[in-house]
Amino acid sequence: MLSLFIKEDDNDILLINGYAGTGKTSSISSLVSLLKGFSKKYILTAPTGRAAKVLAGYTGCSSYTIHKQIYRQKSLKDGLGQFILDLNKSRDTIFVVDEASLISSGSGEGSIFGSGNLLDDLITYVRSNTGNKLILIGDSAQLPPVGEVISNALDFDIVGSYGKAVYVTLKSVVRQAQNSGILVNATMLREMIEQDRFDFPKFTVSPFSDVERITGSDLIEQMTMSYEKAGTDETLVLCRSNKRANRYNAGIRGKILFREERLTKGDKLMIVKNCYQFLDDVEDIDFIANGDVAELIKISGYEERYGLNFAKAKLRFPDYNDTEIEARIILDTLDSETASLGNDIQRALFNSVMEDYSHLKLKRKRIAAVREDKYFNALQIKYANAITCHKSQGGQWKTVFIDNPFWKGEITKDDLKWLYTAITRAVDKVYFVNFDDRFFVKQ
């Protein structure tokens, strides 16, 4: 089917929905080999920097974020801060998009990217030059984008409405995956989701070595071992809420990493709000996205201003070729229970910074100055040893610890998708932390 679509098919969109263990990764690698064999031009993309890095890792080819590929930032005279659809100079090219479940299709209100509908913009961009085709690859059993009920980019009714689209689902679990506890349990969850069975899932731990059930009292020992064996960059705790992630991060920093300062060199941090400044001379990053992970190289120059705590920091971004930047960061988001600064605080910051530019007579110029201001654009950060499952999408880690978020008496479809997404972030090992007996097959 792939060769037919590439060579002859009149359709220009192919949707591949591949569940965990069905050979989706090897299919993408085979696809790239096929394209090379046909001497066909291709561009590999993914919705996030981490997903693009994973894609590049298993194909051995360059990969970019969708935003970097299809948008360009307007010049200051055109309108500050807006990204518009770029001119597509590629012809007769296959655009391959991995992790398509993360592609949003929001209304566009308040968005600074194109129409605000990433799916619509992507298809428009690909079709804006002759002979191009689009292959969307993803897993519809994963969580949809935040604020959306389904993953529209993997829904054939929605993608089919654009016309000239075909659809294929990979369901058969490949033989080697049947020996993996991670994939056996992921398949069980996927079947429950497909069948609308909203019961407590029954995880199988024995005889598998890649899934394990532990209590909170075992956590420090097991995480310490994982940090030593897999490394801090390849070990992750997944939580349902920012509040739980905060508790884990505090415990990890204090009892495993023995870090007493609020920020220490080597801290793993996650950016929790998009930022579009500082990057004019940075080759590999067009903007810093919500969910990007950075390592703290150096911190200096603490100051309190506008009712918030700021610091100067040097950060390294491992998902962007270890690019380093210097920027101001906001410390207040580190342990807040909200995903980023609340709207009221963000608005107050905007108004306070605006007052600093009261000498500018035109309001338009004052607003433009605020949007370029180093304090208004300070990076909002959280610790990233433990994060929410939504923030992990598109990434893979060798070892994943899943915190039990289920203390109520019922399970919803969203709960099953949350578990499925969490389990499938792991490559080598999953630990179920504090899950009680009702979640496991009796041995």
Protein backbone atom coordinates (compact mmCIF):
# COMPACT_ATOMS: atom_id res chain seq x y z
CA MET A 1 0.00 0.00 0.00
CA LEU A 2 2.85 2.39 0.82
CA SER A 3 4.53 1.89 -2.54
CA LEU A 4 1.19 2.36 -4.35
CA PHE A 5 0.49 5.58 -2.42
CA ILE A 6 3.98 6.93 -3.11
CA LYS A 7 4.18 6.02 -6.80
CA GLU A 8 0.73 6.04 -8.33
CA ASP A 9 -2.13 6.82 -6.00
CA ASP A 10 -4.29 9.86 -6.78
CA ASN A 11 -4.76 10.36 -3.04
CA ASP A 12 -2.36 12.74 -1.33
CA ILE A 13 -3.01 12.00 2.37
CA LEU A 14 -2.28 8.63 4.00
CA LEU A 15 -3.33 8.12 7.61
CA ILE A 16 -1.53 5.29 9.46
CA ASN A 17 -2.94 4.49 12.89
CA GLY A 18 -0.51 2.11 14.58
CA TYR A 19 -0.99 0.81 18.11
CA ALA A 20 1.86 -0.06 20.48
CA GLY A 21 3.65 -3.24 19.45
CA THR A 22 2.24 -3.35 15.92
CA GLY A 23 5.51 -2.41 14.23
CA LYS A 24 4.77 1.28 13.67
CA THR A 25 8.37 2.28 14.35
CA SER A 26 9.79 -0.33 11.97
CA SER A 27 7.14 0.68 9.41
CA ILE A 28 8.41 4.27 9.48
CA SER A 29 12.01 3.07 9.07
CA SER A 30 10.90 0.88 6.15
CA LEU A 31 9.02 3.84 4.68
CA VAL A 32 12.17 5.99 4.74
CA SER A 33 14.13 3.18 3.05
CA LEU A 34 11.36 2.87 0.45
CA LEU A 35 11.46 6.60 -0.26
CA LYS A 36 15.23 6.46 -0.68
CA GLY A 37 14.82 3.47 -3.00
CA PHE A 38 12.39 5.42 -5.17
CA SER A 39 14.74 8.44 -5.07
CA LYS A 40 11.77 10.31 -3.66
CA LYS A 41 12.24 13.55 -1.75
CA TYR A 42 10.90 13.46 1.80
CA ILE A 43 10.75 15.60 4.94
CA LEU A 44 10.33 14.09 8.42
CA THR A 45 8.47 16.09 11.07
CA ALA A 46 6.78 15.69 14.45
CA PRO A 47 4.68 17.99 16.67
CA THR A 48 7.30 18.42 19.44
CA GLY A 49 11.07 18.71 19.70
CA ARG A 50 11.32 15.52 21.72
CA ALA A 51 9.19 13.58 19.22
CA ALA A 52 11.30 14.91 16.34
CA LYS A 53 14.45 13.76 18.13
CA VAL A 54 13.00 10.27 18.68
CA LEU A 55 11.98 10.11 15.00
CA ALA A 56 15.47 11.15 13.89
CA GLY A 57 16.94 8.53 16.22
CA TYR A 58 15.24 5.51 14.71
CA THR A 59 15.29 6.64 11.06
CA GLY A 60 18.84 7.99 11.05
CA CYS A 61 17.58 11.06 9.16
CA SER A 62 17.08 14.71 10.03
CA SER A 63 13.70 15.55 11.53
CA TYR A 64 12.06 18.86 12.40
CA THR A 65 9.11 20.13 14.38
CA ILE A 66 6.02 20.84 12.30
CA HIS A 67 6.12 24.47 13.45
CA LYS A 68 9.70 24.93 12.25
CA GLN A 69 8.82 23.41 8.88
CA ILE A 70 5.60 25.23 8.01
CA TYR A 71 5.65 28.61 9.80
CA ARG A 72 7.82 31.69 9.71
CA GLN A 73 7.74 34.63 12.10
CA LYS A 74 6.50 37.94 10.78
CA SER A 75 8.91 40.84 10.79
CA LEU A 76 8.35 43.54 13.40
CA LYS A 77 6.76 45.83 10.85
CA ASP A 78 4.28 43.08 9.86
CA GLY A 79 3.05 42.36 13.35
CA LEU A 80 5.05 41.35 16.39
CA GLY A 81 4.93 37.82 17.66
CA GLN A 82 2.84 36.30 14.88
CA PHE A 83 3.89 33.22 12.90
CA ILE A 84 2.41 32.86 9.44
CA LEU A 85 2.33 29.95 7.02
CA ASP A 86 5.64 29.89 5.17
CA LEU A 87 6.05 29.53 1.43
CA ASN A 88 6.37 25.82 0.60
CA LYS A 89 9.20 25.52 -1.92
CA SER A 90 9.12 21.70 -1.96
CA ARG A 91 7.59 19.88 -4.91
CA ASP A 92 6.99 16.16 -5.43
CA THR A 93 7.88 15.61 -1.78
CA ILE A 94 6.49 13.19 0.80
CA PHE A 95 5.89 14.90 4.17
CA VAL A 96 5.99 12.31 6.97
CA VAL A 97 4.52 13.32 10.35
CA ASP A 98 5.03 11.06 13.38
CA GLU A 99 3.07 11.29 16.66
CA ALA A 100 0.13 12.80 14.79
CA SER A 101 -2.15 12.28 17.82
CA LEU A 102 -0.53 15.45 19.23
CA ILE A 103 -1.62 17.66 16.33
CA SER A 104 -4.21 20.14 17.56
CA SER A 105 -7.11 21.52 15.57
CA GLY A 106 -8.32 24.28 17.87
CA SER A 107 -10.46 27.22 16.92
CA GLY A 108 -7.46 29.48 16.51
CA GLU A 109 -8.62 32.05 19.08
CA GLY A 110 -5.58 33.62 20.69
CA SER A 111 -3.14 31.51 18.66
CA ILE A 112 -0.10 33.20 17.16
CA PHE A 113 0.48 30.35 14.67
CA GLY A 114 -1.26 30.67 11.34
CA SER A 115 -4.99 30.02 11.56
CA GLY A 116 -4.65 28.41 15.00
CA ASN A 117 -5.64 25.06 13.50
CA LEU A 118 -2.38 23.13 13.10
CA LEU A 119 -3.97 20.26 11.18
CA ASP A 120 -5.60 22.63 8.70
CA ASP A 121 -2.40 24.65 8.29
CA LEU A 122 -0.31 21.50 7.76
CA ILE A 123 -2.54 20.18 4.98
CA THR A 124 -2.75 23.64 3.39
CA TYR A 125 1.05 23.94 3.45
CA VAL A 126 1.66 20.50 1.92
CA ARG A 127 -0.91 21.08 -0.83
CA SER A 128 0.37 24.56 -1.67
CA ASN A 129 2.91 23.13 -4.11
CA THR A 130 2.60 20.48 -6.80
CA GLY A 131 3.04 16.73 -6.39
CA ASN A 132 3.34 16.72 -2.60
CA LYS A 133 1.85 14.05 -0.33
CA LEU A 134 1.29 13.81 3.41
CA ILE A 135 1.63 10.72 5.61
CA LEU A 136 0.21 11.10 9.13
CA ILE A 137 1.35 8.40 11.58
CA GLY A 138 0.17 8.03 15.16
CA ASP A 139 -1.67 6.07 17.82
CA SER A 140 -5.31 6.99 18.43
CA ALA A 141 -5.32 5.13 21.78
CA GLN A 142 -3.10 7.86 23.26
CA LEU A 143 -4.41 10.96 24.99
CA PRO A 144 -5.70 13.62 22.57
CA PRO A 145 -4.25 17.15 22.63
CA VAL A 146 -5.07 19.13 25.78
CA GLY A 147 -8.60 20.51 25.59
CA GLU A 148 -9.69 18.21 22.76
CA VAL A 149 -11.89 15.11 23.00
CA ILE A 150 -10.28 13.11 20.19
CA SER A 151 -7.09 13.24 18.13
CA ASN A 152 -8.53 14.86 15.02
CA ALA A 153 -5.44 14.18 12.91
CA LEU A 154 -6.04 10.43 13.39
CA ASP A 155 -9.80 10.55 12.85
CA PHE A 156 -10.55 9.50 9.28
CA ASP A 157 -13.92 11.26 9.20
CA ILE A 158 -12.14 14.54 9.92
CA VAL A 159 -9.05 13.99 7.76
CA GLY A 160 -11.24 12.47 5.05
CA SER A 161 -13.25 15.69 4.88
CA TYR A 162 -10.17 17.32 3.30
CA GLY A 163 -10.54 14.88 0.38
CA LYS A 164 -8.11 12.53 -1.38
CA ALA A 165 -7.27 10.64 1.83
CA VAL A 166 -6.80 6.94 2.61
CA TYR A 167 -6.59 5.18 5.96
CA VAL A 168 -4.89 2.09 7.38
CA THR A 169 -4.78 0.69 10.92
CA LEU A 170 -1.99 -1.56 12.22
CA LYS A 171 -3.51 -3.90 14.82
CA SER A 172 -1.57 -7.17 14.77
CA VAL A 173 1.05 -7.28 17.53
CA VAL A 174 4.40 -8.37 16.10
CA ARG A 175 5.84 -11.61 17.49
CA GLN A 176 8.72 -10.12 19.48
CA ALA A 177 6.32 -7.70 21.19
CA GLN A 178 4.38 -10.62 22.68
CA ASN A 179 7.33 -11.24 25.02
CA SER A 180 7.19 -7.69 26.38
CA GLY A 181 5.20 -6.98 29.52
CA ILE A 182 5.03 -3.32 28.52
CA LEU A 183 3.35 -4.16 25.22
CA VAL A 184 1.16 -6.96 26.60
CA ASN A 185 -0.31 -4.52 29.13
CA ALA A 186 -0.55 -1.70 26.58
CA THR A 187 -2.44 -4.01 24.21
CA MET A 188 -4.83 -4.99 27.01
CA LEU A 189 -5.57 -1.30 27.66
CA ARG A 190 -5.99 -0.55 23.95
CA GLU A 191 -8.52 -3.37 23.58
CA MET A 192 -10.47 -2.04 26.57
CA ILE A 193 -10.52 1.43 24.96
CA GLU A 194 -11.69 0.02 21.61
CA GLN A 195 -14.43 -2.05 23.27
CA ASP A 196 -15.57 0.77 25.60
CA ARG A 197 -14.94 -1.44 28.65
CA PHE A 198 -14.43 1.00 31.49
CA ASP A 199 -13.47 -1.42 34.27
CA PHE A 200 -10.34 -1.49 36.37
CA PRO A 201 -7.63 -2.87 34.07
CA LYS A 202 -5.84 -6.03 35.17
CA PHE A 203 -2.11 -5.65 34.64
CA THR A 204 0.07 -8.71 34.16
CA VAL A 205 3.44 -8.47 35.91
CA SER A 206 4.70 -12.06 36.05
CA PRO A 207 6.65 -13.56 34.24
CA PHE A 208 7.82 -10.31 32.62
CA SER A 209 11.02 -8.57 33.67
CA ASP A 210 10.13 -5.20 32.13
CA VAL A 211 7.11 -4.44 34.35
CA GLU A 212 7.18 -4.35 38.13
CA ARG A 213 4.84 -3.41 40.95
CA ILE A 214 6.34 -1.40 43.83
CA THR A 215 5.18 0.58 46.85
CA GLY A 216 6.20 4.08 47.80
CA SER A 217 8.71 2.68 50.30
CA ASP A 218 10.58 0.97 47.42
CA LEU A 219 10.65 4.09 45.27
CA ILE A 220 13.85 5.77 46.49
CA GLU A 221 15.89 2.59 46.09
CA GLN A 222 14.49 1.79 42.63
CA MET A 223 14.85 5.35 41.35
CA THR A 224 18.41 5.57 42.66
CA MET A 225 19.23 2.36 40.79
CA SER A 226 17.59 3.68 37.62
CA TYR A 227 19.50 6.96 37.82
CA GLU A 228 22.74 4.97 38.12
CA LYS A 229 21.88 2.50 35.33
CA ALA A 230 19.76 4.45 32.81
CA GLY A 231 20.69 8.00 33.85
CA THR A 232 18.56 10.94 34.97
CA ASP A 233 17.72 11.87 31.34
CA GLU A 234 16.28 8.39 30.73
CA THR A 235 14.31 8.04 33.99
CA LEU A 236 10.91 9.66 34.45
CA VAL A 237 8.03 9.73 36.94
CA LEU A 238 4.57 10.28 35.43
CA CYS A 239 1.78 11.86 37.48
CA ARG A 240 -1.82 12.87 36.88
CA SER A 241 -1.52 16.38 38.37
CA ASN A 242 1.02 19.15 38.86
CA LYS A 243 0.45 18.86 42.61
CA ARG A 244 1.60 15.21 42.61
CA ALA A 245 4.52 16.03 40.31
CA ASN A 246 5.61 18.79 42.71
CA ARG A 247 5.66 16.32 45.61
CA TYR A 248 7.71 13.82 43.64
CA ASN A 249 10.16 16.45 42.42
CA ALA A 250 10.70 17.72 45.97
CA GLY A 251 11.35 14.18 47.20
CA ILE A 252 13.66 13.29 44.30
CA ARG A 253 15.73 16.45 44.65
CA GLY A 254 15.99 16.13 48.43
CA LYS A 255 16.32 12.38 49.05
CA ILE A 256 17.93 11.04 45.87
CA LEU A 257 19.85 13.93 44.30
CA PHE A 258 20.56 15.66 47.66
CA ARG A 259 19.95 19.14 46.29
CA GLU A 260 19.08 21.73 48.91
CA GLU A 261 19.14 24.94 46.87
CA ARG A 262 16.02 25.91 44.97
CA LEU A 263 18.00 25.57 41.75
CA THR A 264 21.27 23.71 41.24
CA LYS A 265 23.55 23.13 38.26
CA GLY A 266 22.37 19.98 36.51
CA ASP A 267 18.69 20.42 37.40
CA LYS A 268 16.36 19.09 34.72
CA LEU A 269 13.73 21.73 33.96
CA MET A 270 10.66 21.85 31.76
CA ILE A 271 9.45 24.99 30.00
CA VAL A 272 5.72 25.34 30.70
CA LYS A 273 4.79 28.25 28.43
CA ASN A 274 5.79 29.00 24.84
CA CYS A 275 8.44 31.70 24.44
CA TYR A 276 9.36 33.39 21.18
CA GLN A 277 12.21 35.71 22.20
CA PHE A 278 16.01 35.38 22.72
CA LEU A 279 16.35 33.22 19.64
CA ASP A 280 17.23 35.49 16.73
CA ASP A 281 20.78 34.12 16.56
CA VAL A 282 20.00 30.54 17.62
CA GLU A 283 20.18 28.19 14.65
CA ASP A 284 18.36 25.10 15.96
CA ILE A 285 15.45 26.67 17.86
CA ASP A 286 12.85 29.02 16.36
CA PHE A 287 10.93 29.27 19.62
CA ILE A 288 10.93 27.51 22.98
CA ALA A 289 7.82 25.39 23.30
CA ASN A 290 5.68 24.40 26.24
CA GLY A 291 7.03 20.95 27.19
CA ASP A 292 10.63 21.45 26.06
CA VAL A 293 13.19 20.15 28.56
CA ALA A 294 16.40 21.96 29.48
CA GLU A 295 19.36 21.31 31.75
CA LEU A 296 20.49 24.13 34.02
CA ILE A 297 24.14 24.96 33.26
CA LYS A 298 24.54 28.08 35.36
CA ILE A 299 22.40 30.42 37.43
CA SER A 300 23.13 33.98 38.60
CA GLY A 301 21.61 37.35 39.27
CA TYR A 302 18.52 36.61 41.37
CA GLU A 303 16.08 39.52 41.63
CA GLU A 304 12.55 40.21 42.77
CA ARG A 305 10.48 42.39 40.50
CA TYR A 306 6.80 42.91 39.67
CA GLY A 307 5.93 40.67 42.62
CA LEU A 308 7.76 37.70 41.05
CA ASN A 309 11.17 36.07 41.49
CA PHE A 310 13.53 36.10 38.51
CA ALA A 311 17.04 34.81 37.82
CA LYS A 312 19.50 34.80 34.95
CA ALA A 313 20.19 31.29 33.68
CA LYS A 314 22.21 29.44 31.09
CA LEU A 315 20.26 26.46 29.76
CA ARG A 316 21.09 23.51 27.51
CA PHE A 317 18.36 21.93 25.35
CA PRO A 318 19.19 18.25 24.71
CA ASP A 319 16.37 17.79 22.17
CA TYR A 320 17.79 20.60 20.02
CA ASN A 321 21.38 19.43 19.47
CA ASP A 322 22.38 20.54 22.98
CA THR A 323 21.86 24.18 22.00
CA GLU A 324 22.63 26.58 24.86
CA ILE A 325 20.89 29.89 25.50
CA GLU A 326 20.97 32.55 28.19
CA ALA A 327 17.63 33.83 29.44
CA ARG A 328 15.74 35.08 32.45
CA ILE A 329 13.62 32.50 34.24
CA ILE A 330 10.68 32.85 36.63
CA LEU A 331 11.11 30.80 39.80
CA ASP A 332 7.51 31.11 41.02
CA THR A 333 6.24 28.41 38.65
CA LEU A 334 8.69 25.80 39.98
CA ASP A 335 6.38 24.60 42.73
CA SER A 336 3.03 26.15 41.81
CA GLU A 337 0.09 23.77 41.41
CA THR A 338 -0.99 25.42 38.17
CA ALA A 339 0.53 24.40 34.83
CA SER A 340 2.07 27.88 34.39
CA LEU A 341 1.53 31.40 35.74
CA GLY A 342 -2.19 31.94 36.24
CA ASN A 343 -4.01 34.32 33.92
CA ASP A 344 -4.41 36.93 36.67
CA ILE A 345 -0.67 36.90 37.46
CA GLN A 346 0.23 36.97 33.76
CA ARG A 347 -2.08 39.94 33.22
CA ALA A 348 -0.65 41.75 36.25
CA LEU A 349 2.88 41.17 34.95
CA PHE A 350 1.91 42.58 31.55
CA ASN A 351 0.37 45.69 33.12
CA SER A 352 3.35 46.26 35.45
CA VAL A 353 5.87 45.96 32.63
CA MET A 354 3.65 48.23 30.51
CA GLU A 355 4.06 50.98 33.12
CA ASP A 356 7.83 50.87 32.56
CA TYR A 357 7.21 52.01 28.99
CA SER A 358 4.80 54.83 29.86
CA HIS A 359 7.22 57.26 28.19
CA LEU A 360 6.16 55.83 24.83
CA LYS A 361 3.15 57.86 23.73
CA LEU A 362 1.58 55.40 21.31
CA LYS A 363 -0.12 52.40 22.95
CA ARG A 364 0.88 50.24 20.02
CA LYS A 365 4.54 50.99 20.69
CA ARG A 366 4.13 50.31 24.42
CA ILE A 367 2.60 46.91 23.70
CA ALA A 368 5.37 46.13 21.21
CA ALA A 369 7.97 47.04 23.84
CA VAL A 370 6.33 44.79 26.43
CA ARG A 371 6.32 41.85 24.03
CA GLU A 372 10.08 42.28 23.60
CA ASP A 373 10.74 42.81 27.32
CA LYS A 374 13.16 40.38 29.01
CA TYR A 375 11.02 40.11 32.15
CA PHE A 376 7.71 39.63 30.37
CA ASN A 377 9.39 36.94 28.25
CA ALA A 378 11.16 35.22 31.15
CA LEU A 379 10.89 31.44 30.83
CA GLN A 380 8.30 29.79 33.04
CA ILE A 381 9.78 26.54 34.35
CA LYS A 382 9.07 23.47 36.46
CA TYR A 383 11.27 20.64 37.69
CA ALA A 384 11.21 17.80 35.18
CA ASN A 385 12.16 14.63 37.07
CA ALA A 386 8.43 14.06 37.52
CA ILE A 387 5.91 15.48 35.05
CA THR A 388 2.30 15.05 33.99
CA CYS A 389 1.50 12.45 31.35
CA HIS A 390 0.30 15.07 28.84
CA LYS A 391 3.72 16.72 29.01
CA SER A 392 5.43 13.40 28.25
CA GLN A 393 3.65 12.73 24.96
CA GLY A 394 5.91 12.33 21.97
CA GLY A 395 8.82 11.23 24.16
CA GLN A 396 10.34 7.93 25.23
CA TRP A 397 12.42 7.06 28.27
CA LYS A 398 14.24 3.87 29.23
CA THR A 399 12.58 3.69 32.66
CA VAL A 400 9.18 5.09 33.63
CA PHE A 401 7.62 5.15 37.10
CA ILE A 402 3.82 5.55 36.96
CA ASP A 403 2.22 7.10 40.03
CA ASN A 404 -1.21 5.65 40.80
CA PRO A 405 -3.74 8.46 40.32
CA PHE A 406 -6.82 6.29 40.80
CA TRP A 407 -8.31 6.44 44.29
CA LYS A 408 -11.94 6.68 43.22
CA GLY A 409 -14.33 3.83 42.52
CA GLU A 410 -14.64 4.14 38.75
CA ILE A 411 -12.54 4.25 35.60
CA THR A 412 -13.29 6.38 32.53
CA LYS A 413 -12.10 6.16 28.93
CA ASP A 414 -9.79 9.09 29.58
CA ASP A 415 -8.28 7.17 32.52
CA LEU A 416 -7.53 4.19 30.26
CA LYS A 417 -5.97 6.48 27.64
CA TRP A 418 -3.89 8.10 30.38
CA LEU A 419 -2.57 4.70 31.49
CA TYR A 420 -1.96 3.59 27.90
CA THR A 421 -0.02 6.76 27.14
CA ALA A 422 2.00 6.45 30.36
CA ILE A 423 2.96 2.81 29.77
CA THR A 424 3.95 3.39 26.16
CA ARG A 425 6.43 6.13 27.14
CA ALA A 426 8.73 3.38 28.46
CA VAL A 427 11.30 1.56 26.34
CA ASP A 428 12.86 -0.87 28.84
CA LYS A 429 11.03 -0.82 32.17
CA VAL A 430 7.77 0.28 33.80
CA TYR A 431 7.20 0.52 37.54
CA PHE A 432 3.61 0.71 38.83
CA VAL A 433 3.89 2.77 42.02
CA ASN A 434 1.27 2.31 44.78
CA PHE A 435 -1.26 0.51 42.57
CA ASP A 436 -3.45 -1.76 44.74
CA ASP A 437 -4.46 -5.39 44.15
CA ARG A 438 -7.53 -4.62 42.04
CA PHE A 439 -5.24 -3.49 39.20
CA PHE A 440 -3.42 -6.81 38.84
CA VAL A 441 -4.10 -10.33 37.60
CA LYS A 442 -4.04 -12.73 40.54
CA GLN A 443 -0.97 -14.94 40.31
